PDB file of N, CA and C in Angstrom:
ATOM      1  N   UNK A   1      12.567   5.564  -2.211  1.00  0.00           N
ATOM      2  CA  UNK A   1      11.413   5.497  -1.341  1.00  0.00           C
ATOM      3  C   UNK A   1      10.405   6.550  -1.756  1.00  0.00           C
ATOM      4  N   UNK A   2       9.197   6.102  -1.999  1.00  0.00           N
ATOM      5  CA  UNK A   2       8.106   7.015  -2.277  1.00  0.00           C
ATOM      6  C   UNK A   2       7.317   7.250  -1.011  1.00  0.00           C
ATOM      7  N   UNK A   3       6.247   7.994  -1.123  1.00  0.00           N
ATOM      8  CA  UNK A   3       5.429   8.248   0.059  1.00  0.00           C
ATOM      9  C   UNK A   3       3.945   8.226  -0.292  1.00  0.00           C
ATOM     10  N   UNK A   4       3.176   7.860   0.693  1.00  0.00           N
ATOM     11  CA  UNK A   4       1.722   7.909   0.622  1.00  0.00           C
ATOM     12  C   UNK A   4       1.283   8.930   1.660  1.00  0.00           C
ATOM     13  N   UNK A   5       0.582   9.966   1.213  1.00  0.00           N
ATOM     14  CA  UNK A   5       0.066  10.977   2.136  1.00  0.00           C
ATOM     15  C   UNK A   5      -1.439  10.799   2.235  1.00  0.00           C
ATOM     16  N   UNK A   6      -1.905  10.698   3.461  1.00  0.00           N
ATOM     17  CA  UNK A   6      -3.311  10.424   3.762  1.00  0.00           C
ATOM     18  C   UNK A   6      -3.945  11.652   4.400  1.00  0.00           C
ATOM     19  N   UNK A   7      -4.986  12.157   3.820  1.00  0.00           N
ATOM     20  CA  UNK A   7      -5.780  13.251   4.372  1.00  0.00           C
ATOM     21  C   UNK A   7      -4.928  14.474   4.731  1.00  0.00           C
ATOM     22  N   UNK A   8      -3.927  14.746   3.962  1.00  0.00           N
ATOM     23  CA  UNK A   8      -3.044  15.904   4.130  1.00  0.00           C
ATOM     24  C   UNK A   8      -2.316  15.931   5.471  1.00  0.00           C
ATOM     25  N   UNK A   9      -2.417  14.868   6.276  1.00  0.00           N
ATOM     26  CA  UNK A   9      -1.845  14.939   7.623  1.00  0.00           C
ATOM     27  C   UNK A   9      -0.874  13.814   7.954  1.00  0.00           C
ATOM     28  N   UNK A  10      -0.982  12.682   7.318  1.00  0.00           N
ATOM     29  CA  UNK A  10      -0.121  11.541   7.608  1.00  0.00           C
ATOM     30  C   UNK A  10       0.639  11.180   6.340  1.00  0.00           C
ATOM     31  N   UNK A  11       1.956  11.148   6.426  1.00  0.00           N
ATOM     32  CA  UNK A  11       2.776  10.769   5.273  1.00  0.00           C
ATOM     33  C   UNK A  11       3.675   9.615   5.681  1.00  0.00           C
ATOM     34  N   UNK A  12       3.655   8.547   4.879  1.00  0.00           N
ATOM     35  CA  UNK A  12       4.389   7.330   5.188  1.00  0.00           C
ATOM     36  C   UNK A  12       5.236   6.945   3.984  1.00  0.00           C
ATOM     37  N   UNK A  13       6.491   6.550   4.235  1.00  0.00           N
ATOM     38  CA  UNK A  13       7.374   6.135   3.152  1.00  0.00           C
ATOM     39  C   UNK A  13       7.230   4.644   2.870  1.00  0.00           C
ATOM     40  N   UNK A  14       7.186   4.331   1.568  1.00  0.00           N
ATOM     41  CA  UNK A  14       7.182   2.955   1.094  1.00  0.00           C
ATOM     42  C   UNK A  14       8.127   2.873  -0.092  1.00  0.00           C
ATOM     43  N   UNK A  15       8.702   1.720  -0.297  1.00  0.00           N
ATOM     44  CA  UNK A  15       9.494   1.460  -1.486  1.00  0.00           C
ATOM     45  C   UNK A  15       8.613   1.730  -2.705  1.00  0.00           C
ATOM     46  N   UNK A  16       9.192   2.318  -3.757  1.00  0.00           N
ATOM     47  CA  UNK A  16       8.405   2.633  -4.962  1.00  0.00           C
ATOM     48  C   UNK A  16       7.677   1.414  -5.512  1.00  0.00           C
ATOM     49  N   UNK A  17       8.306   0.248  -5.459  1.00  0.00           N
ATOM     50  CA  UNK A  17       7.678  -0.971  -5.989  1.00  0.00           C
ATOM     51  C   UNK A  17       6.439  -1.333  -5.170  1.00  0.00           C
ATOM     52  N   UNK A  18       6.564  -1.277  -3.865  1.00  0.00           N
ATOM     53  CA  UNK A  18       5.421  -1.547  -2.986  1.00  0.00           C
ATOM     54  C   UNK A  18       4.338  -0.498  -3.232  1.00  0.00           C
ATOM     55  N   UNK A  19       4.744   0.766  -3.271  1.00  0.00           N
ATOM     56  CA  UNK A  19       3.792   1.857  -3.458  1.00  0.00           C
ATOM     57  C   UNK A  19       3.025   1.741  -4.775  1.00  0.00           C
ATOM     58  N   UNK A  20       3.706   1.332  -5.833  1.00  0.00           N
ATOM     59  CA  UNK A  20       3.052   1.164  -7.124  1.00  0.00           C
ATOM     60  C   UNK A  20       1.958   0.114  -7.080  1.00  0.00           C
ATOM     61  N   UNK A  21       2.225  -0.989  -6.411  1.00  0.00           N
ATOM     62  CA  UNK A  21       1.215  -2.046  -6.300  1.00  0.00           C
ATOM     63  C   UNK A  21       0.069  -1.607  -5.381  1.00  0.00           C
ATOM     64  N   UNK A  22       0.395  -0.891  -4.308  1.00  0.00           N
ATOM     65  CA  UNK A  22      -0.652  -0.376  -3.429  1.00  0.00           C
ATOM     66  C   UNK A  22      -1.560   0.594  -4.180  1.00  0.00           C
ATOM     67  N   UNK A  23      -0.973   1.453  -5.005  1.00  0.00           N
ATOM     68  CA  UNK A  23      -1.761   2.415  -5.764  1.00  0.00           C
ATOM     69  C   UNK A  23      -2.766   1.703  -6.666  1.00  0.00           C
ATOM     70  N   UNK A  24      -2.333   0.644  -7.323  1.00  0.00           N
ATOM     71  CA  UNK A  24      -3.234  -0.084  -8.213  1.00  0.00           C
ATOM     72  C   UNK A  24      -4.384  -0.735  -7.450  1.00  0.00           C
ATOM     73  N   UNK A  25      -4.082  -1.336  -6.310  1.00  0.00           N
ATOM     74  CA  UNK A  25      -5.118  -2.007  -5.520  1.00  0.00           C
ATOM     75  C   UNK A  25      -6.066  -0.984  -4.900  1.00  0.00           C
ATOM     76  N   UNK A  26      -5.507   0.048  -4.292  1.00  0.00           N
ATOM     77  CA  UNK A  26      -6.334   1.077  -3.659  1.00  0.00           C
ATOM     78  C   UNK A  26      -7.178   1.791  -4.708  1.00  0.00           C
ATOM     79  N   UNK A  27      -6.580   2.117  -5.842  1.00  0.00           N
ATOM     80  CA  UNK A  27      -7.320   2.786  -6.909  1.00  0.00           C
ATOM     81  C   UNK A  27      -8.492   1.959  -7.413  1.00  0.00           C
ATOM     82  N   UNK A  28      -8.287   0.658  -7.558  1.00  0.00           N
ATOM     83  CA  UNK A  28      -9.368  -0.217  -8.032  1.00  0.00           C
ATOM     84  C   UNK A  28     -10.532  -0.229  -7.043  1.00  0.00           C
ATOM     85  N   UNK A  29     -10.226  -0.295  -5.755  1.00  0.00           N
ATOM     86  CA  UNK A  29     -11.295  -0.313  -4.753  1.00  0.00           C
ATOM     87  C   UNK A  29     -12.028   1.025  -4.701  1.00  0.00           C
ATOM     88  N   UNK A  30     -11.290   2.121  -4.793  1.00  0.00           N
ATOM     89  CA  UNK A  30     -11.933   3.432  -4.730  1.00  0.00           C
ATOM     90  C   UNK A  30     -12.767   3.716  -5.978  1.00  0.00           C
ATOM     91  N   UNK A  31     -12.340   3.199  -7.131  1.00  0.00           N
ATOM     92  CA  UNK A  31     -13.153   3.349  -8.356  1.00  0.00           C
ATOM     93  C   UNK A  31     -14.511   2.676  -8.194  1.00  0.00           C
ATOM     94  N   UNK A  32     -14.528   1.603  -7.400  1.00  0.00           N
ATOM     95  CA  UNK A  32     -15.789   0.888  -7.135  1.00  0.00           C
ATOM     96  C   UNK A  32     -16.526   1.488  -5.934  1.00  0.00           C
ATOM     97  N   UNK A  33     -16.004   2.621  -5.438  1.00  0.00           N
ATOM     98  CA  UNK A  33     -16.608   3.320  -4.300  1.00  0.00           C
ATOM     99  C   UNK A  33     -16.605   2.463  -3.034  1.00  0.00           C
ATOM    100  N   UNK A  34     -15.582   1.642  -2.861  1.00  0.00           N
ATOM    101  CA  UNK A  34     -15.449   0.767  -1.696  1.00  0.00           C
ATOM    102  C   UNK A  34     -14.501   1.384  -0.676  1.00  0.00           C
ATOM    103  N   UNK A  35     -14.881   1.300   0.586  1.00  0.00           N
ATOM    104  CA  UNK A  35     -14.051   1.735   1.705  1.00  0.00           C
ATOM    105  C   UNK A  35     -13.453   0.500   2.368  1.00  0.00           C
ATOM    106  N   UNK A  36     -12.297   0.673   3.011  1.00  0.00           N
ATOM    107  CA  UNK A  36     -11.618  -0.470   3.621  1.00  0.00           C
ATOM    108  C   UNK A  36     -10.514   0.024   4.544  1.00  0.00           C
ATOM    109  N   UNK A  37     -10.041  -0.871   5.411  1.00  0.00           N
ATOM    110  CA  UNK A  37      -8.885  -0.587   6.254  1.00  0.00           C
ATOM    111  C   UNK A  37      -7.603  -0.886   5.476  1.00  0.00           C
ATOM    112  N   UNK A  38      -6.554  -0.149   5.768  1.00  0.00           N
ATOM    113  CA  UNK A  38      -5.216  -0.408   5.240  1.00  0.00           C
ATOM    114  C   UNK A  38      -4.258  -0.318   6.414  1.00  0.00           C
ATOM    115  N   UNK A  39      -3.509  -1.413   6.671  1.00  0.00           N
ATOM    116  CA  UNK A  39      -2.588  -1.491   7.800  1.00  0.00           C
ATOM    117  C   UNK A  39      -1.181  -1.805   7.337  1.00  0.00           C
ATOM    118  N   UNK A  40      -0.204  -1.292   8.052  1.00  0.00           N
ATOM    119  CA  UNK A  40       1.200  -1.598   7.790  1.00  0.00           C
ATOM    120  C   UNK A  40       1.974  -1.520   9.086  1.00  0.00           C
ATOM    121  N   UNK A  41       3.139  -2.117   9.070  1.00  0.00           N
ATOM    122  CA  UNK A  41       4.034  -2.060  10.212  1.00  0.00           C
ATOM    123  C   UNK A  41       4.869  -0.795  10.100  1.00  0.00           C
ATOM    124  N   UNK A  42       4.938  -0.049  11.192  1.00  0.00           N
ATOM    125  CA  UNK A  42       5.695   1.196  11.205  1.00  0.00           C
ATOM    126  C   UNK A  42       7.196   0.943  11.224  1.00  0.00           C
ATOM    127  N   UNK A  43       7.915   1.889  10.689  1.00  0.00           N
ATOM    128  CA  UNK A  43       9.369   1.867  10.734  1.00  0.00           C
ATOM    129  C   UNK A  43       9.830   2.034  12.183  1.00  0.00           C
ATOM    130  N   UNK A  44      10.980   1.471  12.513  1.00  0.00           N
ATOM    131  CA  UNK A  44      11.513   1.585  13.874  1.00  0.00           C
ATOM    132  C   UNK A  44      11.703   3.032  14.296  1.00  0.00           C
ATOM    133  N   UNK A  45      11.938   3.922  13.332  1.00  0.00           N
ATOM    134  CA  UNK A  45      12.139   5.346  13.659  1.00  0.00           C
ATOM    135  C   UNK A  45      10.906   5.978  14.287  1.00  0.00           C
ATOM    136  N   UNK A  46       9.733   5.396  14.061  1.00  0.00           N
ATOM    137  CA  UNK A  46       8.510   5.957  14.620  1.00  0.00           C
ATOM    138  C   UNK A  46       7.835   5.012  15.613  1.00  0.00           C
ATOM    139  N   UNK A  47       8.602   4.088  16.164  1.00  0.00           N
ATOM    140  CA  UNK A  47       8.074   3.259  17.235  1.00  0.00           C
ATOM    141  C   UNK A  47       7.888   1.795  16.936  1.00  0.00           C
ATOM    142  N   UNK A  48       8.068   1.367  15.695  1.00  0.00           N
ATOM    143  CA  UNK A  48       7.993  -0.051  15.333  1.00  0.00           C
ATOM    144  C   UNK A  48       6.648  -0.691  15.659  1.00  0.00           C
ATOM    145  N   UNK A  49       5.588   0.100  15.658  1.00  0.00           N
ATOM    146  CA  UNK A  49       4.252  -0.439  15.898  1.00  0.00           C
ATOM    147  C   UNK A  49       3.544  -0.710  14.589  1.00  0.00           C
ATOM    148  N   UNK A  50       2.232  -0.604  14.619  1.00  0.00           N
ATOM    149  CA  UNK A  50       1.411  -0.769  13.415  1.00  0.00           C
ATOM    150  C   UNK A  50       0.506   0.447  13.293  1.00  0.00           C
ATOM    151  N   UNK A  51       0.197   0.792  12.063  1.00  0.00           N
ATOM    152  CA  UNK A  51      -0.742   1.872  11.790  1.00  0.00           C
ATOM    153  C   UNK A  51      -1.842   1.322  10.888  1.00  0.00           C
ATOM    154  N   UNK A  52      -3.067   1.741  11.161  1.00  0.00           N
ATOM    155  CA  UNK A  52      -4.211   1.380  10.322  1.00  0.00           C
ATOM    156  C   UNK A  52      -4.971   2.654   9.996  1.00  0.00           C
ATOM    157  N   UNK A  53      -5.314   2.810   8.727  1.00  0.00           N
ATOM    158  CA  UNK A  53      -6.132   3.940   8.297  1.00  0.00           C
ATOM    159  C   UNK A  53      -7.403   3.410   7.646  1.00  0.00           C
ATOM    160  N   UNK A  54      -8.439   4.226   7.657  1.00  0.00           N
ATOM    161  CA  UNK A  54      -9.689   3.923   6.971  1.00  0.00           C
ATOM    162  C   UNK A  54      -9.616   4.623   5.626  1.00  0.00           C
ATOM    163  N   UNK A  55      -9.629   3.862   4.547  1.00  0.00           N
ATOM    164  CA  UNK A  55      -9.553   4.426   3.203  1.00  0.00           C
ATOM    165  C   UNK A  55     -10.971   4.559   2.669  1.00  0.00           C
ATOM    166  N   UNK A  56     -11.308   5.769   2.275  1.00  0.00           N
ATOM    167  CA  UNK A  56     -12.649   6.087   1.810  1.00  0.00           C
ATOM    168  C   UNK A  56     -12.535   7.004   0.596  1.00  0.00           C
ATOM    169  N   UNK A  57     -13.444   6.905  -0.362  1.00  0.00           N
ATOM    170  CA  UNK A  57     -13.343   7.721  -1.574  1.00  0.00           C
ATOM    171  C   UNK A  57     -13.292   9.233  -1.341  1.00  0.00           C
ATOM    172  N   UNK A  58     -13.766   9.714  -0.196  1.00  0.00           N
ATOM    173  CA  UNK A  58     -13.756  11.158   0.046  1.00  0.00           C
ATOM    174  C   UNK A  58     -12.498  11.648   0.757  1.00  0.00           C
ATOM    175  N   UNK A  59     -11.605  10.739   1.136  1.00  0.00           N
ATOM    176  CA  UNK A  59     -10.383  11.123   1.855  1.00  0.00           C
ATOM    177  C   UNK A  59      -9.230  11.218   0.860  1.00  0.00           C
ATOM    178  N   UNK A  60      -8.514  12.308   0.936  1.00  0.00           N
ATOM    179  CA  UNK A  60      -7.422  12.584   0.003  1.00  0.00           C
ATOM    180  C   UNK A  60      -6.241  11.620   0.201  1.00  0.00           C
ATOM    181  N   UNK A  61      -5.744  11.074  -0.912  1.00  0.00           N
ATOM    182  CA  UNK A  61      -4.534  10.253  -0.929  1.00  0.00           C
ATOM    183  C   UNK A  61      -3.607  10.803  -1.999  1.00  0.00           C
ATOM    184  N   UNK A  62      -2.324  10.895  -1.678  1.00  0.00           N
ATOM    185  CA  UNK A  62      -1.324  11.318  -2.649  1.00  0.00           C
ATOM    186  C   UNK A  62      -0.225  10.266  -2.676  1.00  0.00           C
ATOM    187  N   UNK A  63       0.074   9.745  -3.868  1.00  0.00           N
ATOM    188  CA  UNK A  63       1.157   8.788  -4.067  1.00  0.00           C
ATOM    189  C   UNK A  63       2.315   9.549  -4.688  1.00  0.00           C
ATOM    190  N   UNK A  64       3.424   9.664  -3.987  1.00  0.00           N
ATOM    191  CA  UNK A  64       4.599  10.396  -4.470  1.00  0.00           C
ATOM    192  C   UNK A  64       5.757   9.416  -4.597  1.00  0.00           C
ATOM    193  N   UNK A  65       6.301   9.303  -5.821  1.00  0.00           N
ATOM    194  CA  UNK A  65       7.371   8.345  -6.104  1.00  0.00           C
ATOM    195  C   UNK A  65       8.731   9.030  -6.154  1.00  0.00           C
ATOM    196  N   UNK A  66       9.738   8.324  -5.686  1.00  0.00           N
ATOM    197  CA  UNK A  66      11.099   8.817  -5.795  1.00  0.00           C
ATOM    198  C   UNK A  66      11.574   8.701  -7.240  1.00  0.00           C
ATOM    199  N   UNK A  67      11.315   7.558  -7.862  1.00  0.00           N
ATOM    200  CA  UNK A  67      11.709   7.317  -9.250  1.00  0.00           C
ATOM    201  C   UNK A  67      10.683   7.868 -10.219  1.00  0.00           C
ATOM    202  N   UNK A  68      11.088   7.991 -11.479  1.00  0.00           N
ATOM    203  CA  UNK A  68      10.198   8.585 -12.480  1.00  0.00           C
ATOM    204  C   UNK A  68       9.374   7.551 -13.249  1.00  0.00           C
ATOM    205  N   UNK A  69       9.676   6.274 -13.086  1.00  0.00           N
ATOM    206  CA  UNK A  69       8.963   5.224 -13.831  1.00  0.00           C
ATOM    207  C   UNK A  69       8.152   4.350 -12.900  1.00  0.00           C
ATOM    208  N   UNK A  70       7.007   3.920 -13.417  1.00  0.00           N
ATOM    209  CA  UNK A  70       6.177   2.975 -12.670  1.00  0.00           C
ATOM    210  C   UNK A  70       6.884   1.629 -12.648  1.00  0.00           C
ATOM    211  N   UNK A  71       7.010   1.001 -11.473  1.00  0.00           N
ATOM    212  CA  UNK A  71       7.647  -0.317 -11.405  1.00  0.00           C
ATOM    213  C   UNK A  71       6.861  -1.365 -12.199  1.00  0.00           C
ATOM    214  N   UNK A  72       7.557  -2.403 -12.655  1.00  0.00           N
ATOM    215  CA  UNK A  72       6.882  -3.509 -13.334  1.00  0.00           C
ATOM    216  C   UNK A  72       5.854  -4.126 -12.391  1.00  0.00           C
ATOM    217  N   UNK A  73       4.732  -4.536 -12.951  1.00  0.00           N
ATOM    218  CA  UNK A  73       3.633  -5.059 -12.138  1.00  0.00           C
ATOM    219  C   UNK A  73       3.734  -6.572 -12.033  1.00  0.00           C
ATOM    220  N   UNK A  74       3.646  -7.073 -10.815  1.00  0.00           N
ATOM    221  CA  UNK A  74       3.595  -8.500 -10.536  1.00  0.00           C
ATOM    222  C   UNK A  74       2.122  -8.843 -10.321  1.00  0.00           C
ATOM    223  N   UNK A  75       1.498  -9.471 -11.311  1.00  0.00           N
ATOM    224  CA  UNK A  75       0.051  -9.755 -11.247  1.00  0.00           C
ATOM    225  C   UNK A  75      -0.304 -10.668 -10.070  1.00  0.00           C
ATOM    226  N   UNK A  76       0.575 -11.630  -9.747  1.00  0.00           N
ATOM    227  CA  UNK A  76       0.301 -12.504  -8.609  1.00  0.00           C
ATOM    228  C   UNK A  76       0.248 -11.707  -7.302  1.00  0.00           C
ATOM    229  N   UNK A  77       1.129 -10.726  -7.174  1.00  0.00           N
ATOM    230  CA  UNK A  77       1.151  -9.873  -5.989  1.00  0.00           C
ATOM    231  C   UNK A  77      -0.108  -9.006  -5.933  1.00  0.00           C
ATOM    232  N   UNK A  78      -0.516  -8.468  -7.086  1.00  0.00           N
ATOM    233  CA  UNK A  78      -1.751  -7.676  -7.127  1.00  0.00           C
ATOM    234  C   UNK A  78      -2.944  -8.486  -6.656  1.00  0.00           C
ATOM    235  N   UNK A  79      -3.039  -9.719  -7.123  1.00  0.00           N
ATOM    236  CA  UNK A  79      -4.148 -10.591  -6.730  1.00  0.00           C
ATOM    237  C   UNK A  79      -4.132 -10.830  -5.228  1.00  0.00           C
ATOM    238  N   UNK A  80      -2.941 -11.117  -4.673  1.00  0.00           N
ATOM    239  CA  UNK A  80      -2.826 -11.357  -3.230  1.00  0.00           C
ATOM    240  C   UNK A  80      -3.192 -10.107  -2.433  1.00  0.00           C
ATOM    241  N   UNK A  81      -2.743  -8.942  -2.885  1.00  0.00           N
ATOM    242  CA  UNK A  81      -3.073  -7.688  -2.199  1.00  0.00           C
ATOM    243  C   UNK A  81      -4.565  -7.381  -2.306  1.00  0.00           C
ATOM    244  N   UNK A  82      -5.156  -7.638  -3.469  1.00  0.00           N
ATOM    245  CA  UNK A  82      -6.597  -7.419  -3.633  1.00  0.00           C
ATOM    246  C   UNK A  82      -7.396  -8.332  -2.716  1.00  0.00           C
ATOM    247  N   UNK A  83      -6.993  -9.581  -2.587  1.00  0.00           N
ATOM    248  CA  UNK A  83      -7.681 -10.505  -1.690  1.00  0.00           C
ATOM    249  C   UNK A  83      -7.566 -10.017  -0.248  1.00  0.00           C
ATOM    250  N   UNK A  84      -6.399  -9.519   0.110  1.00  0.00           N
ATOM    251  CA  UNK A  84      -6.208  -8.963   1.446  1.00  0.00           C
ATOM    252  C   UNK A  84      -7.146  -7.775   1.663  1.00  0.00           C
ATOM    253  N   UNK A  85      -7.202  -6.872   0.684  1.00  0.00           N
ATOM    254  CA  UNK A  85      -8.050  -5.681   0.802  1.00  0.00           C
ATOM    255  C   UNK A  85      -9.529  -6.046   0.934  1.00  0.00           C
ATOM    256  N   UNK A  86      -9.922  -7.167   0.358  1.00  0.00           N
ATOM    257  CA  UNK A  86     -11.318  -7.596   0.407  1.00  0.00           C
ATOM    258  C   UNK A  86     -11.647  -8.406   1.654  1.00  0.00           C
ATOM    259  N   UNK A  87     -10.661  -8.664   2.500  1.00  0.00           N
ATOM    260  CA  UNK A  87     -10.883  -9.440   3.718  1.00  0.00           C
ATOM    261  C   UNK A  87     -11.377  -8.537   4.848  1.00  0.00           C
ATOM    262  N   UNK A  88     -11.840  -9.145   5.932  1.00  0.00           N
ATOM    263  CA  UNK A  88     -12.311  -8.385   7.090  1.00  0.00           C
ATOM    264  C   UNK A  88     -11.200  -7.542   7.715  1.00  0.00           C
ATOM    265  N   UNK A  89      -9.966  -8.011   7.633  1.00  0.00           N
ATOM    266  CA  UNK A  89      -8.836  -7.277   8.212  1.00  0.00           C
ATOM    267  C   UNK A  89      -8.358  -6.127   7.362  1.00  0.00           C
ATOM    268  N   UNK A  90      -8.773  -6.073   6.120  1.00  0.00           N
ATOM    269  CA  UNK A  90      -8.367  -4.998   5.227  1.00  0.00           C
ATOM    270  C   UNK A  90      -7.027  -5.245   4.571  1.00  0.00           C
ATOM    271  N   UNK A  91      -6.591  -4.272   3.791  1.00  0.00           N
ATOM    272  CA  UNK A  91      -5.355  -4.368   3.023  1.00  0.00           C
ATOM    273  C   UNK A  91      -4.142  -4.423   3.941  1.00  0.00           C
ATOM    274  N   UNK A  92      -3.319  -5.435   3.748  1.00  0.00           N
ATOM    275  CA  UNK A  92      -2.056  -5.605   4.462  1.00  0.00           C
ATOM    276  C   UNK A  92      -0.948  -5.704   3.413  1.00  0.00           C
ATOM    277  N   UNK A  93       0.224  -5.218   3.727  1.00  0.00           N
ATOM    278  CA  UNK A  93       1.344  -5.355   2.801  1.00  0.00           C
ATOM    279  C   UNK A  93       1.891  -6.761   2.957  1.00  0.00           C
ATOM    280  N   UNK A  94       1.812  -7.529   1.895  1.00  0.00           N
ATOM    281  CA  UNK A  94       2.223  -8.930   1.892  1.00  0.00           C
ATOM    282  C   UNK A  94       3.549  -9.091   1.163  1.00  0.00           C
ATOM    283  N   UNK A  95       4.215 -10.192   1.438  1.00  0.00           N
ATOM    284  CA  UNK A  95       5.442 -10.526   0.723  1.00  0.00           C
ATOM    285  C   UNK A  95       5.121 -10.713  -0.757  1.00  0.00           C
ATOM    286  N   UNK A  96       5.991 -10.211  -1.599  1.00  0.00           N
ATOM    287  CA  UNK A  96       5.786 -10.359  -3.032  1.00  0.00           C
ATOM    288  C   UNK A  96       6.036 -11.799  -3.447  1.00  0.00           C
ATOM    289  N   UNK A  97       5.041 -12.470  -4.051  1.00  0.00           N
ATOM    290  CA  UNK A  97       5.246 -13.846  -4.511  1.00  0.00           C
ATOM    291  C   UNK A  97       6.191 -13.879  -5.706  1.00  0.00           C
ATOM    292  N   UNK A  98       6.936 -14.950  -5.807  1.00  0.00           N
ATOM    293  CA  UNK A  98       7.850 -15.176  -6.931  1.00  0.00           C
ATOM    294  C   UNK A  98       8.861 -14.052  -7.104  1.00  0.00           C
ATOM    295  N   UNK A  99       9.283 -13.473  -5.997  1.00  0.00           N
ATOM    296  CA  UNK A  99      10.236 -12.377  -6.058  1.00  0.00           C
ATOM    297  C   UNK A  99      11.640 -12.886  -5.754  1.00  0.00           C
ATOM    298  N   UNK A 100      12.578 -12.760  -6.700  1.00  0.00           N
ATOM    299  CA  UNK A 100      13.934 -13.202  -6.439  1.00  0.00           C
ATOM    300  C   UNK A 100      14.654 -12.327  -5.419  1.00  0.00           C
ATOM    301  N   UNK A 101      14.123 -11.116  -5.194  1.00  0.00           N
ATOM    302  CA  UNK A 101      14.787 -10.198  -4.267  1.00  0.00           C
ATOM    303  C   UNK A 101      14.413 -10.466  -2.819  1.00  0.00           C
ATOM    304  N   UNK A 102      13.495 -11.396  -2.570  1.00  0.00           N
ATOM    305  CA  UNK A 102      13.117 -11.730  -1.199  1.00  0.00           C
ATOM    306  C   UNK A 102      11.886 -10.963  -0.749  1.00  0.00           C
ATOM    307  N   UNK A 103      11.585 -11.024   0.557  1.00  0.00           N
ATOM    308  CA  UNK A 103      10.363 -10.418   1.068  1.00  0.00           C
ATOM    309  C   UNK A 103      10.359  -8.899   0.926  1.00  0.00           C
ATOM    310  N   UNK A 104       9.166  -8.376   0.700  1.00  0.00           N
ATOM    311  CA  UNK A 104       8.985  -6.921   0.637  1.00  0.00           C
ATOM    312  C   UNK A 104       7.857  -6.531   1.581  1.00  0.00           C
ATOM    313  N   UNK A 105       7.559  -7.380   2.533  1.00  0.00           N
ATOM    314  CA  UNK A 105       6.377  -7.218   3.363  1.00  0.00           C
ATOM    315  C   UNK A 105       6.244  -5.932   4.137  1.00  0.00           C
ATOM    316  N   UNK A 106       7.100  -5.649   5.069  1.00  0.00           N
ATOM    317  CA  UNK A 106       6.914  -4.477   5.939  1.00  0.00           C
ATOM    318  C   UNK A 106       7.880  -3.365   5.607  1.00  0.00           C
ATOM    319  N   UNK A 107       7.991  -3.051   4.342  1.00  0.00           N
ATOM    320  CA  UNK A 107       8.834  -1.985   3.820  1.00  0.00           C
ATOM    321  C   UNK A 107      10.247  -2.436   3.869  1.00  0.00           C
TER     322      UNK A 107
END
């Protein structure tokens, strides 16, 4: 499990594979100076609700991985995540398409 730290105050754990794909999508949007919402379902340990953050180029993000290697990239998943990020609802963690391991949606 890796973690995403937002604005030095909020740290959330995600599977390294999910985190790697999120980093690519978020990085692409921030390179274009685009702001957007990012939402995920919280772990039961913190209430099983949902959290949404406003991602903006001036807000600090840190991607910390448990493993030392970047996971293999699923281009179909990247496209789906990018489309989500470009929607009015913002980036949502979606099930990985064509994944033999099953859904990876809410961590």
